[in-house]
Amino acid sequence: MTRHHTTRRACVVLLAGLAAVLAALACGSVAGASVGGTSRVAAYPQNPGNPLAGGTWGVYRGSADGVYPAYQRATGTRKALLAKVALRPRVRWFGTWMSAAQANAKIRDYITTTQAGDPSVLVQLAVFRLWPHGEGAKNRPITVAEQDAYRRWVDAAAQAIGGSRVAVVLEPDLAVSLGGWQPTVREALTAYAAHAFAQLPQTSVYIDASDSDWLSVPQATNMLLASGIREARGFALGATHYSGTAENIAYGRNVVAALAAAGVPDRHFVIDTADNGRPFTWLQYWAAHPHGDFDNAEPCRSTTQVRCDTLGIPPTWEVADARWGLPADLQQAAATNVDGYLWFGRPWLYRQASPFKLGRTLKVAATTPY
């Protein structure tokens, strides 16, 4: 799709001072063919109800993740590289570091600025609120007061979203809870959130379901059933891992089938492709880096290196496009089951969290095969 009309005006400026590759990126397709207005396009006949298809996917131009300000300051080749992140739709995370009131205000502002007056623009956000003391404290009990605070936070976030067109990636790293204190408590809280967001008229909810190299299909299915999948559009894969898109399509297809067998049919999923341009599994990483930091996996050093961190397929709802080189059976599965490739991983941040790392961002942008 072509970008919102404000991006087209910005392209005039870019064309005057930047290399052709940057201009092509800034003015070109981000997520499929533009359909204009509030209309929707069926990405593929196999998935005609895809709520992410058609229209414009909004691009975040704020300062929270540091990407766009760095792009604005840059010139020449550095600006062209930063554009590969700054000018593409990406998911902004909201979580424990914000009070309920702050989350309400920040989400409202994020939606307003991203849509820039066009309510048909899709805004993408992640809710990361299950860990009041951080994932490292997964065995620490969540008090009744903390559970109440979670629900108040979700209510405030849902109020902020209202009738806006939004895709919510719900609780990335939810699978961590399965190895912590009373997983059923965090699953119940996630189910509360799934219900609250699913009531909103234009919000599509995707509950985290780990990655193809993490939970087994039965584990992921049971976790989703306990976490509100009956009310959600579907689930999300790959948030903090680096497995290949093809592997996650195959895995997700199996989870969809397992959910259908459990009485929850017609679920779809999204895949994080922000950091899997040269995919690798958890086991492959630790075999090569026994003292490494998986959350801050080493960026690729060249365009030919494999099993390293670099940008993957750009955000798009055109999931079965021939450009992605999927085998025929997985191309079919993507067309049927996948709503979009989203960037909710954040390889431009330290440990995928904070702060923004300029050098790392330049490396993943310079080595991507896409």
Protein backbone atom coordinates (compact mmCIF):
# COMPACT_ATOMS: atom_id res chain seq x y z
CA MET A 1 0.00 0.00 0.00
CA THR A 2 1.18 3.52 -0.55
CA ARG A 3 1.68 5.73 2.47
CA HIS A 4 -0.61 8.38 3.89
CA HIS A 5 -0.68 11.64 1.93
CA THR A 6 1.61 13.35 4.45
CA THR A 7 4.33 10.85 3.60
CA ARG A 8 3.92 11.70 -0.09
CA ARG A 9 4.61 15.35 0.69
CA ALA A 10 7.65 14.34 2.71
CA CYS A 11 8.94 12.39 -0.29
CA VAL A 12 9.29 15.61 -2.27
CA VAL A 13 11.83 16.78 0.27
CA LEU A 14 13.62 13.45 0.37
CA LEU A 15 13.97 13.27 -3.38
CA ALA A 16 15.69 16.63 -3.41
CA GLY A 17 18.47 15.64 -1.02
CA LEU A 18 18.81 11.86 -0.72
CA ALA A 19 19.98 8.98 -2.83
CA ALA A 20 17.49 7.21 -5.08
CA VAL A 21 17.35 4.17 -2.84
CA LEU A 22 16.11 6.26 0.08
CA ALA A 23 13.52 8.01 -2.04
CA ALA A 24 12.23 4.70 -3.34
CA LEU A 25 11.89 3.37 0.19
CA ALA A 26 10.16 6.45 1.57
CA CYS A 27 7.70 6.77 -1.30
CA GLY A 28 7.16 3.14 -2.15
CA SER A 29 4.95 0.35 -0.98
CA VAL A 30 4.93 -0.55 2.70
CA ALA A 31 2.05 -2.93 3.10
CA GLY A 32 0.25 -3.53 -0.16
CA ALA A 33 -1.88 -1.65 -2.65
CA SER A 34 -3.57 1.52 -1.52
CA VAL A 35 -7.31 1.24 -1.45
CA GLY A 36 -8.14 4.72 -0.17
CA GLY A 37 -10.71 5.86 2.36
CA THR A 38 -11.91 3.34 4.90
CA SER A 39 -12.36 0.44 2.49
CA ARG A 40 -10.74 -2.95 3.04
CA VAL A 41 -9.19 -5.31 0.52
CA ALA A 42 -9.08 -9.07 0.88
CA ALA A 43 -5.36 -9.80 0.99
CA TYR A 44 -6.10 -13.24 -0.40
CA PRO A 45 -9.39 -15.00 -1.18
CA GLN A 46 -8.46 -17.64 1.41
CA ASN A 47 -8.49 -14.96 4.14
CA PRO A 48 -11.13 -12.43 3.02
CA GLY A 49 -11.90 -11.13 6.50
CA ASN A 50 -8.35 -10.05 7.29
CA PRO A 51 -8.75 -6.85 9.37
CA LEU A 52 -5.17 -5.77 8.65
CA ALA A 53 -5.52 -5.84 4.87
CA GLY A 54 -5.91 -2.72 2.81
CA GLY A 55 -5.73 0.90 3.79
CA THR A 56 -2.60 2.46 5.26
CA TRP A 57 -0.39 1.15 8.04
CA GLY A 58 0.69 4.07 10.21
CA VAL A 59 4.35 4.92 10.75
CA TYR A 60 5.44 6.08 14.20
CA ARG A 61 7.35 9.36 14.04
CA GLY A 62 7.67 10.05 17.75
CA SER A 63 10.71 9.92 19.98
CA ALA A 64 9.86 7.07 22.38
CA ASP A 65 12.07 4.45 20.69
CA GLY A 66 14.71 6.88 19.41
CA VAL A 67 14.50 5.72 15.80
CA TYR A 68 12.82 8.65 14.07
CA PRO A 69 14.84 11.38 15.79
CA ALA A 70 18.05 9.59 14.73
CA TYR A 71 16.73 9.43 11.18
CA GLN A 72 15.90 13.14 11.20
CA ARG A 73 19.41 14.04 12.33
CA ALA A 74 21.17 11.77 9.86
CA THR A 75 22.41 12.55 6.37
CA GLY A 76 23.57 10.61 3.31
CA THR A 77 24.09 6.87 3.58
CA ARG A 78 23.33 6.81 7.29
CA LYS A 79 19.93 8.43 6.65
CA ALA A 80 19.17 5.89 3.93
CA LEU A 81 19.93 3.03 6.31
CA LEU A 82 17.90 4.48 9.18
CA ALA A 83 14.96 4.97 6.80
CA LYS A 84 14.68 1.18 6.57
CA VAL A 85 13.38 1.28 10.14
CA ALA A 86 12.13 4.84 10.71
CA LEU A 87 9.84 4.96 7.68
CA ARG A 88 8.28 1.54 8.15
CA PRO A 89 5.28 0.63 10.31
CA ARG A 90 6.38 -0.84 13.61
CA VAL A 91 4.65 -1.79 16.83
CA ARG A 92 5.07 0.51 19.82
CA TRP A 93 5.09 -1.17 23.22
CA PHE A 94 3.13 0.02 26.27
CA GLY A 95 3.60 -1.62 29.65
CA THR A 96 4.45 -1.75 33.33
CA TRP A 97 6.66 1.36 33.24
CA MET A 98 3.50 3.44 32.74
CA SER A 99 0.69 4.01 35.20
CA ALA A 100 -2.86 3.43 33.99
CA ALA A 101 -3.35 7.16 33.54
CA GLN A 102 -0.08 7.51 31.64
CA ALA A 103 -0.92 4.56 29.40
CA ASN A 104 -4.29 6.10 28.61
CA ALA A 105 -2.75 9.45 27.68
CA LYS A 106 0.19 8.01 25.75
CA ILE A 107 -1.94 5.57 23.74
CA ARG A 108 -4.36 8.36 22.83
CA ASP A 109 -1.50 10.56 21.69
CA TYR A 110 0.14 7.69 19.78
CA ILE A 111 -3.07 6.94 17.87
CA THR A 112 -3.76 10.60 17.15
CA THR A 113 -0.29 11.38 15.82
CA THR A 114 0.05 8.13 13.87
CA GLN A 115 -3.31 8.47 12.14
CA ALA A 116 -2.74 12.19 11.45
CA GLY A 117 -6.43 12.82 10.94
CA ASP A 118 -7.17 9.69 8.88
CA PRO A 119 -9.19 7.18 10.95
CA SER A 120 -8.66 4.43 8.37
CA VAL A 121 -4.93 4.23 9.22
CA LEU A 122 -3.99 1.07 11.12
CA VAL A 123 -2.12 1.70 14.39
CA GLN A 124 -0.09 -1.15 15.90
CA LEU A 125 0.74 -1.53 19.58
CA ALA A 126 1.89 -4.18 22.04
CA VAL A 127 0.58 -4.55 25.58
CA PHE A 128 3.36 -5.77 27.91
CA ARG A 129 1.89 -5.48 31.40
CA LEU A 130 2.10 -8.93 33.04
CA TRP A 131 5.43 -8.38 34.77
CA PRO A 132 5.19 -5.71 37.52
CA HIS A 133 8.67 -6.69 38.73
CA GLY A 134 10.16 -7.79 35.40
CA GLU A 135 10.37 -11.22 33.81
CA GLY A 136 13.36 -12.02 36.00
CA ALA A 137 10.93 -12.10 38.93
CA LYS A 138 8.66 -14.65 37.23
CA ASN A 139 8.53 -16.76 40.40
CA ARG A 140 7.43 -13.87 42.56
CA PRO A 141 3.71 -13.93 43.40
CA ILE A 142 1.45 -11.31 41.87
CA THR A 143 -0.54 -9.85 44.74
CA VAL A 144 -4.27 -9.25 44.61
CA ALA A 145 -3.56 -5.53 44.50
CA GLU A 146 -1.22 -6.01 41.53
CA GLN A 147 -3.84 -8.06 39.73
CA ASP A 148 -6.38 -5.30 40.29
CA ALA A 149 -3.85 -2.78 38.99
CA TYR A 150 -3.41 -4.87 35.85
CA ARG A 151 -7.13 -4.82 35.16
CA ARG A 152 -7.35 -1.06 35.75
CA TRP A 153 -4.43 -0.53 33.38
CA VAL A 154 -6.12 -2.62 30.68
CA ASP A 155 -9.39 -0.76 31.13
CA ALA A 156 -7.57 2.56 30.73
CA ALA A 157 -5.78 1.32 27.61
CA ALA A 158 -9.02 0.03 26.08
CA GLN A 159 -10.71 3.36 26.77
CA ALA A 160 -7.84 5.13 25.00
CA ILE A 161 -8.16 2.93 21.91
CA GLY A 162 -11.93 3.30 21.66
CA GLY A 163 -13.13 3.01 18.08
CA SER A 164 -9.73 3.45 16.44
CA ARG A 165 -8.39 0.94 13.93
CA VAL A 166 -5.75 -0.88 15.98
CA ALA A 167 -3.87 -4.17 16.02
CA VAL A 168 -2.86 -5.30 19.53
CA VAL A 169 -0.08 -7.79 20.17
CA LEU A 170 -1.10 -8.97 23.61
CA GLU A 171 1.55 -9.84 26.20
CA PRO A 172 4.74 -10.70 24.28
CA ASP A 173 6.66 -13.38 26.19
CA LEU A 174 3.47 -14.75 27.73
CA ALA A 175 5.11 -18.18 27.48
CA VAL A 176 7.60 -17.18 30.20
CA SER A 177 4.71 -17.39 32.66
CA LEU A 178 4.46 -21.16 32.14
CA GLY A 179 7.72 -21.58 34.03
CA GLY A 180 6.88 -19.11 36.78
CA TRP A 181 4.57 -18.61 39.73
CA GLN A 182 1.03 -19.90 39.18
CA PRO A 183 0.77 -19.57 35.38
CA THR A 184 -3.03 -19.68 35.59
CA VAL A 185 -3.04 -16.24 37.24
CA ARG A 186 -1.19 -14.57 34.37
CA GLU A 187 -3.29 -16.50 31.85
CA ALA A 188 -6.47 -15.26 33.53
CA LEU A 189 -5.19 -11.68 33.46
CA THR A 190 -4.36 -12.04 29.77
CA ALA A 191 -7.86 -13.40 29.15
CA TYR A 192 -9.27 -10.33 30.88
CA ALA A 193 -7.25 -8.13 28.54
CA ALA A 194 -8.24 -10.15 25.48
CA HIS A 195 -11.90 -9.68 26.38
CA ALA A 196 -11.53 -5.95 27.04
CA PHE A 197 -9.75 -5.23 23.75
CA ALA A 198 -11.93 -7.61 21.72
CA GLN A 199 -15.01 -5.56 22.63
CA LEU A 200 -13.62 -2.57 20.75
CA PRO A 201 -15.16 -2.24 17.28
CA GLN A 202 -11.95 -1.92 15.21
CA THR A 203 -9.36 -3.63 17.39
CA SER A 204 -7.77 -6.93 16.34
CA VAL A 205 -6.20 -8.89 19.20
CA TYR A 206 -3.30 -11.31 18.74
CA ILE A 207 -2.21 -13.16 21.91
CA ASP A 208 1.45 -14.13 22.19
CA ALA A 209 1.99 -17.84 21.45
CA SER A 210 5.81 -18.04 21.60
CA ASP A 211 7.79 -19.20 18.55
CA SER A 212 8.38 -22.28 16.46
CA ASP A 213 11.51 -23.08 18.52
CA TRP A 214 9.89 -22.53 21.92
CA LEU A 215 6.62 -24.13 23.06
CA SER A 216 5.26 -27.34 21.62
CA VAL A 217 1.99 -27.04 19.70
CA PRO A 218 -0.01 -28.60 22.59
CA GLN A 219 1.64 -26.23 25.08
CA ALA A 220 0.91 -23.18 22.95
CA THR A 221 -2.65 -24.31 22.32
CA ASN A 222 -3.42 -24.89 25.99
CA MET A 223 -1.88 -21.54 26.93
CA LEU A 224 -3.99 -19.74 24.33
CA LEU A 225 -7.17 -21.51 25.42
CA ALA A 226 -6.55 -20.32 28.98
CA SER A 227 -5.60 -16.80 27.88
CA GLY A 228 -8.67 -15.68 25.95
CA ILE A 229 -8.16 -16.96 22.40
CA ARG A 230 -11.89 -17.59 22.09
CA GLU A 231 -12.42 -13.83 21.97
CA ALA A 232 -9.26 -12.82 20.10
CA ARG A 233 -8.69 -12.63 16.36
CA GLY A 234 -5.73 -14.94 16.80
CA PHE A 235 -2.18 -15.16 18.09
CA ALA A 236 1.29 -13.72 17.55
CA LEU A 237 4.57 -15.53 16.94
CA GLY A 238 8.24 -14.62 17.16
CA ALA A 239 8.21 -11.63 19.53
CA THR A 240 11.56 -12.24 21.19
CA HIS A 241 13.03 -15.08 19.13
CA TYR A 242 14.59 -15.17 15.66
CA SER A 243 13.17 -18.25 13.93
CA GLY A 244 12.41 -18.11 10.22
CA THR A 245 9.14 -16.88 8.80
CA ALA A 246 8.60 -20.19 7.00
CA GLU A 247 9.10 -22.14 10.22
CA ASN A 248 6.61 -19.96 12.05
CA ILE A 249 4.04 -20.32 9.28
CA ALA A 250 4.28 -24.10 9.58
CA TYR A 251 4.13 -23.93 13.37
CA GLY A 252 1.25 -21.44 13.37
CA ARG A 253 -0.71 -23.55 10.91
CA ASN A 254 -0.46 -26.46 13.36
CA VAL A 255 -1.60 -24.28 16.27
CA VAL A 256 -4.58 -23.10 14.19
CA ALA A 257 -5.52 -26.73 13.54
CA ALA A 258 -5.12 -27.65 17.21
CA LEU A 259 -7.31 -24.73 18.28
CA ALA A 260 -9.96 -25.79 15.77
CA ALA A 261 -9.87 -29.33 17.14
CA ALA A 262 -10.38 -27.84 20.62
CA GLY A 263 -13.51 -26.01 19.45
CA VAL A 264 -11.98 -22.64 18.53
CA PRO A 265 -11.92 -22.52 14.72
CA ASP A 266 -10.94 -19.83 12.24
CA ARG A 267 -8.09 -18.27 14.19
CA HIS A 268 -5.33 -16.41 12.40
CA PHE A 269 -1.90 -15.16 13.37
CA VAL A 270 0.76 -12.54 12.82
CA ILE A 271 4.51 -13.10 12.70
CA ASP A 272 7.27 -10.80 13.87
CA THR A 273 9.75 -10.31 11.02
CA ALA A 274 11.71 -7.38 12.46
CA ASP A 275 14.80 -9.44 13.25
CA ASN A 276 14.69 -12.76 11.38
CA GLY A 277 16.24 -11.84 8.04
CA ARG A 278 18.92 -14.48 8.71
CA PRO A 279 16.99 -16.76 11.06
CA PHE A 280 18.31 -19.02 13.78
CA THR A 281 16.88 -21.00 16.67
CA TRP A 282 17.52 -20.76 20.39
CA LEU A 283 19.61 -23.95 20.28
CA GLN A 284 21.64 -22.75 17.31
CA TYR A 285 22.38 -19.49 19.08
CA TRP A 286 23.66 -21.09 22.26
CA ALA A 287 25.73 -23.60 20.31
CA ALA A 288 27.54 -20.71 18.61
CA HIS A 289 27.49 -18.29 21.59
CA PRO A 290 27.62 -20.29 24.86
CA HIS A 291 28.22 -17.08 26.84
CA GLY A 292 26.08 -14.81 24.67
CA ASP A 293 22.99 -12.73 25.29
CA PHE A 294 20.09 -14.19 23.33
CA ASP A 295 17.96 -11.09 23.83
CA ASN A 296 20.74 -8.99 22.30
CA ALA A 297 21.85 -11.41 19.59
CA GLU A 298 24.81 -10.35 17.49
CA PRO A 299 23.91 -8.31 14.39
CA CYS A 300 25.04 -9.59 11.00
CA ARG A 301 28.43 -8.26 9.88
CA SER A 302 27.81 -8.76 6.16
CA THR A 303 25.03 -9.47 3.68
CA THR A 304 26.23 -13.06 3.30
CA GLN A 305 26.54 -14.06 6.95
CA VAL A 306 23.87 -16.46 8.23
CA ARG A 307 22.31 -17.09 11.64
CA CYS A 308 22.64 -13.53 12.83
CA ASP A 309 20.33 -10.64 13.66
CA THR A 310 19.14 -8.47 10.76
CA LEU A 311 15.89 -6.99 9.47
CA GLY A 312 13.44 -9.45 7.94
CA ILE A 313 10.46 -9.11 5.62
CA PRO A 314 9.13 -5.52 5.77
CA PRO A 315 5.78 -5.07 7.54
CA THR A 316 2.98 -6.11 5.21
CA TRP A 317 -0.35 -7.86 4.88
CA GLU A 318 0.77 -9.30 1.51
CA VAL A 319 2.01 -12.38 3.31
CA ALA A 320 1.95 -14.85 0.41
CA ASP A 321 3.68 -12.62 -2.10
CA ALA A 322 6.22 -14.39 -4.31
CA ARG A 323 8.88 -11.93 -3.13
CA TRP A 324 9.21 -13.78 0.15
CA GLY A 325 10.30 -17.03 -1.50
CA LEU A 326 8.00 -19.34 0.45
CA PRO A 327 7.52 -22.96 -0.64
CA ALA A 328 4.17 -23.52 -2.33
CA ASP A 329 2.53 -25.23 0.64
CA LEU A 330 3.59 -22.52 3.07
CA GLN A 331 2.58 -19.81 0.61
CA GLN A 332 -0.89 -21.33 0.68
CA ALA A 333 -0.83 -21.57 4.48
CA ALA A 334 0.25 -17.93 4.76
CA ALA A 335 -2.54 -16.78 2.46
CA THR A 336 -5.08 -18.69 4.53
CA ASN A 337 -3.90 -18.19 8.09
CA VAL A 338 -1.51 -15.22 8.39
CA ASP A 339 -2.95 -11.72 8.73
CA GLY A 340 0.35 -9.90 8.53
CA TYR A 341 4.08 -9.73 9.05
CA LEU A 342 4.50 -7.14 11.81
CA TRP A 343 7.57 -5.59 13.39
CA PHE A 344 6.97 -6.08 17.10
CA GLY A 345 10.49 -7.32 17.76
CA ARG A 346 12.87 -4.38 18.19
CA PRO A 347 16.44 -5.15 17.10
CA TRP A 348 17.25 -1.43 17.07
CA LEU A 349 17.00 -1.36 20.90
CA TYR A 350 19.36 -2.79 23.50
CA ARG A 351 18.10 -6.25 24.47
CA GLN A 352 14.97 -5.51 22.42
CA ALA A 353 13.87 -3.14 25.17
CA SER A 354 15.82 0.09 25.73
CA PRO A 355 17.70 2.27 24.93
CA PHE A 356 18.00 2.92 21.19
CA LYS A 357 21.35 1.76 19.78
CA LEU A 358 22.42 3.66 16.68
CA GLY A 359 25.30 1.36 15.75
CA ARG A 360 23.18 -1.74 16.07
CA THR A 361 20.41 -0.20 13.98
CA LEU A 362 22.83 0.69 11.20
CA LYS A 363 24.18 -2.88 11.17
CA VAL A 364 20.78 -4.60 10.92
CA ALA A 365 19.74 -2.13 8.22
CA ALA A 366 22.93 -2.56 6.19
CA THR A 367 22.82 -6.36 6.13
CA THR A 368 19.15 -7.16 5.55
CA PRO A 369 18.35 -9.27 2.49
CA TYR A 370 15.08 -7.34 2.04
